[in-house]
Amino acid sequence: MAPPRSVSGAVDVSESSEMSATSNVVIRTAMTEEQLNEFILSCSKGVGTLVHTIEEEIEKLPEVIQSQDEIESQIRYLEEENEAAAAELKQLVAAVRSVRETLRTAYREAATDGTRITID
């Protein structure tokens, strides 16, 4: 528990009767106006440093933060592009299968030309 403070800045700290029944010691400390001003000044410097640090961090943030609508619009565009690419890929796979089958047929014919070998 903090010691009681007077309006003038004096702090009274006294031992309770529970702590020491044999002695009745009173410790008085006073904070002068100059000490109080120095304390306030040092606190304000700390606050100033914090404000400066916060301002520096704010400058590092992106200048334009995209809205939810802009992000969703970009996602829709990318999904459409992805679907178009998937369709092109399917066409490419079909073309590769056709070429592969044509090559197999040509190889079979070349390998069995003039022979009685039949390849299923």
N, C-alpha and C. Protein backbone atom coordinates (compact mmCIF):
# COMPACT_ATOMS: atom_id res chain seq x y z
N MET A 1 0.85 -1.17 0.00
CA MET A 1 0.00 0.00 0.00
C MET A 1 0.89 1.23 0.00
N ALA A 2 0.56 2.21 -0.82
CA ALA A 2 1.38 3.41 -0.93
C ALA A 2 1.19 4.29 0.29
N PRO A 3 2.25 4.97 0.69
CA PRO A 3 2.15 5.87 1.84
C PRO A 3 1.27 7.06 1.51
N PRO A 4 0.60 7.64 2.50
CA PRO A 4 -0.26 8.80 2.23
C PRO A 4 0.56 10.01 1.83
N ARG A 5 0.03 10.78 0.89
CA ARG A 5 0.72 11.99 0.43
C ARG A 5 -0.12 13.19 0.80
N SER A 6 0.56 14.21 1.19
CA SER A 6 -0.15 15.46 1.47
C SER A 6 -0.19 16.29 0.20
N VAL A 7 -0.96 17.32 0.20
CA VAL A 7 -1.07 18.19 -0.97
C VAL A 7 0.26 18.87 -1.26
N SER A 8 1.05 19.12 -0.25
CA SER A 8 2.32 19.82 -0.45
C SER A 8 3.39 18.91 -1.04
N GLY A 9 3.13 17.62 -1.13
CA GLY A 9 4.11 16.71 -1.70
C GLY A 9 4.88 15.94 -0.66
N ALA A 10 4.61 16.16 0.61
CA ALA A 10 5.30 15.41 1.66
C ALA A 10 4.72 14.01 1.74
N VAL A 11 5.57 13.04 2.02
CA VAL A 11 5.14 11.66 2.13
C VAL A 11 5.40 11.20 3.55
N ASP A 12 4.37 10.69 4.21
CA ASP A 12 4.51 10.17 5.56
C ASP A 12 4.48 8.65 5.51
N VAL A 13 5.53 8.04 6.02
CA VAL A 13 5.58 6.58 6.11
C VAL A 13 5.82 6.26 7.57
N SER A 14 4.90 5.58 8.19
CA SER A 14 5.11 5.21 9.59
C SER A 14 4.87 3.73 9.76
N GLU A 15 5.59 3.12 10.67
CA GLU A 15 5.42 1.70 10.93
C GLU A 15 4.11 1.50 11.66
N SER A 16 3.40 0.47 11.31
CA SER A 16 2.15 0.19 12.00
C SER A 16 2.44 -0.47 13.33
N SER A 17 1.47 -0.44 14.21
CA SER A 17 1.67 -1.04 15.53
C SER A 17 1.85 -2.54 15.41
N GLU A 18 1.35 -3.13 14.34
CA GLU A 18 1.51 -4.56 14.13
C GLU A 18 2.96 -4.89 13.82
N MET A 19 3.67 -4.00 13.10
CA MET A 19 5.03 -4.28 12.68
C MET A 19 6.02 -4.12 13.82
N SER A 20 5.85 -3.12 14.60
CA SER A 20 6.81 -2.90 15.67
C SER A 20 6.11 -2.28 16.86
N ALA A 21 5.96 -3.07 17.87
CA ALA A 21 5.31 -2.58 19.08
C ALA A 21 6.27 -1.82 19.96
N THR A 22 7.55 -2.06 19.80
CA THR A 22 8.55 -1.45 20.68
C THR A 22 8.97 -0.07 20.25
N SER A 23 8.92 0.21 18.96
CA SER A 23 9.39 1.52 18.52
C SER A 23 8.30 2.24 17.77
N ASN A 24 8.33 3.53 17.88
CA ASN A 24 7.36 4.35 17.18
C ASN A 24 8.16 5.29 16.28
N VAL A 25 8.69 4.72 15.17
CA VAL A 25 9.56 5.46 14.27
C VAL A 25 8.72 6.02 13.12
N VAL A 26 8.93 7.29 12.84
CA VAL A 26 8.24 7.92 11.73
C VAL A 26 9.30 8.40 10.75
N ILE A 27 9.17 7.99 9.49
CA ILE A 27 10.10 8.42 8.46
C ILE A 27 9.38 9.44 7.61
N ARG A 28 10.01 10.60 7.47
CA ARG A 28 9.40 11.64 6.65
C ARG A 28 10.33 11.93 5.47
N THR A 29 9.74 11.92 4.31
CA THR A 29 10.49 12.33 3.12
C THR A 29 9.65 13.36 2.41
N ALA A 30 10.29 14.31 1.88
CA ALA A 30 9.58 15.35 1.15
C ALA A 30 10.18 15.47 -0.23
N MET A 31 9.32 15.61 -1.22
CA MET A 31 9.76 15.81 -2.58
C MET A 31 9.66 17.30 -2.85
N THR A 32 10.77 17.88 -3.17
CA THR A 32 10.76 19.31 -3.43
C THR A 32 10.11 19.59 -4.77
N GLU A 33 9.76 20.83 -4.99
CA GLU A 33 9.14 21.21 -6.25
C GLU A 33 10.10 20.97 -7.41
N GLU A 34 11.38 21.22 -7.17
CA GLU A 34 12.39 21.00 -8.20
C GLU A 34 12.48 19.51 -8.56
N GLN A 35 12.47 18.64 -7.54
CA GLN A 35 12.52 17.21 -7.80
C GLN A 35 11.27 16.75 -8.55
N LEU A 36 10.15 17.29 -8.17
CA LEU A 36 8.90 16.95 -8.84
C LEU A 36 8.94 17.38 -10.30
N ASN A 37 9.45 18.58 -10.55
CA ASN A 37 9.57 19.06 -11.93
C ASN A 37 10.51 18.19 -12.74
N GLU A 38 11.63 17.77 -12.14
CA GLU A 38 12.58 16.89 -12.83
C GLU A 38 11.93 15.55 -13.16
N PHE A 39 11.15 15.04 -12.22
CA PHE A 39 10.45 13.77 -12.45
C PHE A 39 9.46 13.90 -13.59
N ILE A 40 8.69 14.98 -13.58
CA ILE A 40 7.71 15.21 -14.65
C ILE A 40 8.41 15.39 -15.99
N LEU A 41 9.54 16.09 -16.00
CA LEU A 41 10.30 16.30 -17.22
C LEU A 41 10.82 14.97 -17.77
N SER A 42 11.36 14.13 -16.89
CA SER A 42 11.88 12.84 -17.37
C SER A 42 10.75 11.96 -17.90
N CYS A 43 9.58 12.03 -17.26
CA CYS A 43 8.42 11.26 -17.76
C CYS A 43 7.98 11.79 -19.12
N SER A 44 7.97 13.11 -19.27
CA SER A 44 7.53 13.68 -20.54
C SER A 44 8.52 13.35 -21.66
N LYS A 45 9.81 13.25 -21.33
CA LYS A 45 10.79 12.84 -22.35
C LYS A 45 10.51 11.41 -22.79
N GLY A 46 10.16 10.55 -21.84
CA GLY A 46 9.82 9.17 -22.18
C GLY A 46 8.59 9.10 -23.07
N VAL A 47 7.59 9.92 -22.76
CA VAL A 47 6.38 9.97 -23.57
C VAL A 47 6.72 10.50 -24.96
N GLY A 48 7.57 11.51 -25.02
CA GLY A 48 7.99 12.06 -26.31
C GLY A 48 8.69 11.02 -27.16
N THR A 49 9.54 10.22 -26.53
CA THR A 49 10.24 9.16 -27.25
C THR A 49 9.24 8.14 -27.79
N LEU A 50 8.26 7.78 -26.98
CA LEU A 50 7.24 6.82 -27.42
C LEU A 50 6.44 7.38 -28.60
N VAL A 51 6.05 8.64 -28.52
CA VAL A 51 5.28 9.26 -29.60
C VAL A 51 6.12 9.27 -30.88
N HIS A 52 7.39 9.61 -30.77
CA HIS A 52 8.28 9.63 -31.93
C HIS A 52 8.39 8.24 -32.55
N THR A 53 8.55 7.22 -31.72
CA THR A 53 8.65 5.85 -32.21
C THR A 53 7.37 5.42 -32.91
N ILE A 54 6.23 5.78 -32.34
CA ILE A 54 4.94 5.44 -32.95
C ILE A 54 4.81 6.13 -34.31
N GLU A 55 5.21 7.40 -34.39
CA GLU A 55 5.14 8.12 -35.66
C GLU A 55 6.02 7.47 -36.71
N GLU A 56 7.22 7.02 -36.32
CA GLU A 56 8.11 6.34 -37.26
C GLU A 56 7.49 5.05 -37.77
N GLU A 57 6.85 4.30 -36.88
CA GLU A 57 6.22 3.05 -37.28
C GLU A 57 5.03 3.29 -38.19
N ILE A 58 4.29 4.36 -37.95
CA ILE A 58 3.15 4.70 -38.80
C ILE A 58 3.63 5.01 -40.21
N GLU A 59 4.79 5.66 -40.34
CA GLU A 59 5.33 5.98 -41.66
C GLU A 59 5.70 4.73 -42.43
N LYS A 60 6.01 3.65 -41.73
CA LYS A 60 6.39 2.40 -42.38
C LYS A 60 5.18 1.64 -42.92
N LEU A 61 3.98 1.99 -42.46
CA LEU A 61 2.78 1.31 -42.94
C LEU A 61 2.54 1.65 -44.40
N PRO A 62 1.89 0.74 -45.12
CA PRO A 62 1.61 1.04 -46.53
C PRO A 62 0.77 2.30 -46.65
N GLU A 63 1.05 3.05 -47.71
CA GLU A 63 0.32 4.30 -47.91
C GLU A 63 -1.15 4.05 -48.18
N VAL A 64 -1.41 3.01 -48.93
CA VAL A 64 -2.80 2.70 -49.27
C VAL A 64 -3.09 1.29 -48.78
N ILE A 65 -3.98 1.22 -47.84
CA ILE A 65 -4.41 -0.09 -47.36
C ILE A 65 -5.69 -0.42 -48.12
N GLN A 66 -5.69 -1.58 -48.77
CA GLN A 66 -6.82 -1.93 -49.62
C GLN A 66 -8.06 -2.25 -48.78
N SER A 67 -9.18 -1.88 -49.35
CA SER A 67 -10.45 -2.18 -48.68
C SER A 67 -10.82 -3.64 -48.92
N GLN A 68 -11.76 -4.12 -48.16
CA GLN A 68 -12.22 -5.51 -48.30
C GLN A 68 -12.79 -5.74 -49.70
N ASP A 69 -13.50 -4.75 -50.24
CA ASP A 69 -14.08 -4.89 -51.59
C ASP A 69 -12.99 -5.03 -52.65
N GLU A 70 -11.92 -4.24 -52.53
CA GLU A 70 -10.82 -4.34 -53.49
C GLU A 70 -10.16 -5.71 -53.42
N ILE A 71 -9.96 -6.20 -52.23
CA ILE A 71 -9.33 -7.51 -52.06
C ILE A 71 -10.22 -8.60 -52.65
N GLU A 72 -11.52 -8.54 -52.37
CA GLU A 72 -12.45 -9.53 -52.92
C GLU A 72 -12.51 -9.46 -54.44
N SER A 73 -12.42 -8.25 -55.00
CA SER A 73 -12.41 -8.08 -56.45
C SER A 73 -11.17 -8.74 -57.05
N GLN A 74 -10.03 -8.54 -56.43
CA GLN A 74 -8.80 -9.16 -56.91
C GLN A 74 -8.89 -10.68 -56.81
N ILE A 75 -9.47 -11.18 -55.74
CA ILE A 75 -9.62 -12.63 -55.59
C ILE A 75 -10.52 -13.19 -56.69
N ARG A 76 -11.63 -12.50 -56.99
CA ARG A 76 -12.52 -12.95 -58.07
C ARG A 76 -11.78 -12.98 -59.40
N TYR A 77 -10.99 -11.94 -59.67
CA TYR A 77 -10.22 -11.89 -60.91
C TYR A 77 -9.24 -13.06 -60.99
N LEU A 78 -8.54 -13.31 -59.89
CA LEU A 78 -7.58 -14.42 -59.89
C LEU A 78 -8.27 -15.77 -60.03
N GLU A 79 -9.45 -15.91 -59.45
CA GLU A 79 -10.21 -17.16 -59.61
C GLU A 79 -10.62 -17.36 -61.06
N GLU A 80 -11.04 -16.28 -61.74
CA GLU A 80 -11.40 -16.38 -63.15
C GLU A 80 -10.19 -16.75 -63.99
N GLU A 81 -9.06 -16.12 -63.71
CA GLU A 81 -7.82 -16.45 -64.42
C GLU A 81 -7.43 -17.91 -64.18
N ASN A 82 -7.61 -18.37 -62.97
CA ASN A 82 -7.28 -19.75 -62.62
C ASN A 82 -8.17 -20.73 -63.40
N GLU A 83 -9.47 -20.41 -63.50
CA GLU A 83 -10.38 -21.27 -64.26
C GLU A 83 -9.99 -21.31 -65.73
N ALA A 84 -9.62 -20.16 -66.29
CA ALA A 84 -9.21 -20.12 -67.70
C ALA A 84 -7.93 -20.93 -67.90
N ALA A 85 -7.00 -20.81 -66.98
CA ALA A 85 -5.75 -21.58 -67.08
C ALA A 85 -6.03 -23.08 -66.95
N ALA A 86 -6.96 -23.45 -66.08
CA ALA A 86 -7.31 -24.86 -65.92
C ALA A 86 -7.92 -25.41 -67.21
N ALA A 87 -8.76 -24.63 -67.88
CA ALA A 87 -9.36 -25.06 -69.15
C ALA A 87 -8.28 -25.24 -70.22
N GLU A 88 -7.33 -24.30 -70.28
CA GLU A 88 -6.22 -24.42 -71.23
C GLU A 88 -5.39 -25.66 -70.93
N LEU A 89 -5.17 -25.93 -69.67
CA LEU A 89 -4.38 -27.10 -69.28
C LEU A 89 -5.09 -28.39 -69.70
N LYS A 90 -6.41 -28.44 -69.55
CA LYS A 90 -7.16 -29.62 -69.98
C LYS A 90 -7.02 -29.83 -71.48
N GLN A 91 -7.08 -28.74 -72.26
CA GLN A 91 -6.92 -28.84 -73.70
C GLN A 91 -5.52 -29.33 -74.05
N LEU A 92 -4.53 -28.84 -73.34
CA LEU A 92 -3.15 -29.26 -73.58
C LEU A 92 -2.97 -30.75 -73.27
N VAL A 93 -3.55 -31.21 -72.18
CA VAL A 93 -3.46 -32.62 -71.81
C VAL A 93 -4.11 -33.48 -72.90
N ALA A 94 -5.26 -33.05 -73.40
CA ALA A 94 -5.94 -33.80 -74.46
C ALA A 94 -5.08 -33.85 -75.72
N ALA A 95 -4.44 -32.74 -76.07
CA ALA A 95 -3.57 -32.70 -77.25
C ALA A 95 -2.37 -33.61 -77.07
N VAL A 96 -1.79 -33.63 -75.88
CA VAL A 96 -0.63 -34.50 -75.61
C VAL A 96 -1.04 -35.96 -75.73
N ARG A 97 -2.21 -36.30 -75.21
CA ARG A 97 -2.69 -37.69 -75.31
C ARG A 97 -2.87 -38.09 -76.77
N SER A 98 -3.40 -37.17 -77.57
CA SER A 98 -3.61 -37.45 -78.98
C SER A 98 -2.28 -37.67 -79.69
N VAL A 99 -1.31 -36.82 -79.42
CA VAL A 99 0.02 -36.95 -80.04
C VAL A 99 0.66 -38.26 -79.59
N ARG A 100 0.54 -38.60 -78.32
CA ARG A 100 1.14 -39.83 -77.81
C ARG A 100 0.51 -41.05 -78.49
N GLU A 101 -0.80 -41.03 -78.65
CA GLU A 101 -1.47 -42.16 -79.31
C GLU A 101 -1.06 -42.25 -80.78
N THR A 102 -0.91 -41.12 -81.45
CA THR A 102 -0.47 -41.11 -82.84
C THR A 102 0.93 -41.68 -82.96
N LEU A 103 1.82 -41.31 -82.04
CA LEU A 103 3.19 -41.84 -82.05
C LEU A 103 3.20 -43.35 -81.79
N ARG A 104 2.39 -43.81 -80.87
CA ARG A 104 2.32 -45.25 -80.60
C ARG A 104 1.87 -46.02 -81.85
N THR A 105 0.85 -45.47 -82.48
CA THR A 105 0.34 -46.13 -83.69
C THR A 105 1.42 -46.16 -84.77
N ALA A 106 2.10 -45.06 -84.99
CA ALA A 106 3.15 -45.00 -86.00
C ALA A 106 4.29 -45.95 -85.65
N TYR A 107 4.65 -46.06 -84.39
CA TYR A 107 5.73 -46.96 -83.97
C TYR A 107 5.32 -48.41 -84.19
N ARG A 108 4.08 -48.74 -83.85
CA ARG A 108 3.61 -50.12 -84.06
C ARG A 108 3.66 -50.49 -85.54
N GLU A 109 3.19 -49.56 -86.37
CA GLU A 109 3.19 -49.84 -87.80
C GLU A 109 4.61 -49.98 -88.33
N ALA A 110 5.52 -49.13 -87.86
CA ALA A 110 6.91 -49.20 -88.32
C ALA A 110 7.58 -50.47 -87.82
N ALA A 111 7.27 -50.89 -86.60
CA ALA A 111 7.91 -52.07 -86.02
C ALA A 111 7.37 -53.36 -86.65
N THR A 112 6.17 -53.35 -87.11
CA THR A 112 5.57 -54.58 -87.65
C THR A 112 5.44 -54.57 -89.17
N ASP A 113 5.90 -53.54 -89.83
CA ASP A 113 5.77 -53.43 -91.27
C ASP A 113 6.57 -54.55 -91.94
N GLY A 114 5.90 -55.30 -92.76
CA GLY A 114 6.57 -56.38 -93.49
C GLY A 114 6.73 -57.64 -92.67
N THR A 115 6.16 -57.69 -91.51
CA THR A 115 6.23 -58.90 -90.68
C THR A 115 4.83 -59.40 -90.42
N ARG A 116 4.76 -60.55 -89.83
CA ARG A 116 3.46 -61.10 -89.48
C ARG A 116 3.15 -60.87 -88.00
N ILE A 117 3.90 -59.94 -87.36
CA ILE A 117 3.71 -59.67 -85.93
C ILE A 117 2.50 -58.74 -85.77
N THR A 118 1.68 -59.07 -84.78
CA THR A 118 0.52 -58.24 -84.48
C THR A 118 0.66 -57.73 -83.05
N ILE A 119 0.54 -56.45 -82.87
CA ILE A 119 0.62 -55.85 -81.53
C ILE A 119 -0.76 -55.32 -81.18
N ASP A 120 -1.24 -55.76 -80.03
CA ASP A 120 -2.57 -55.30 -79.59
C ASP A 120 -2.49 -53.96 -78.92
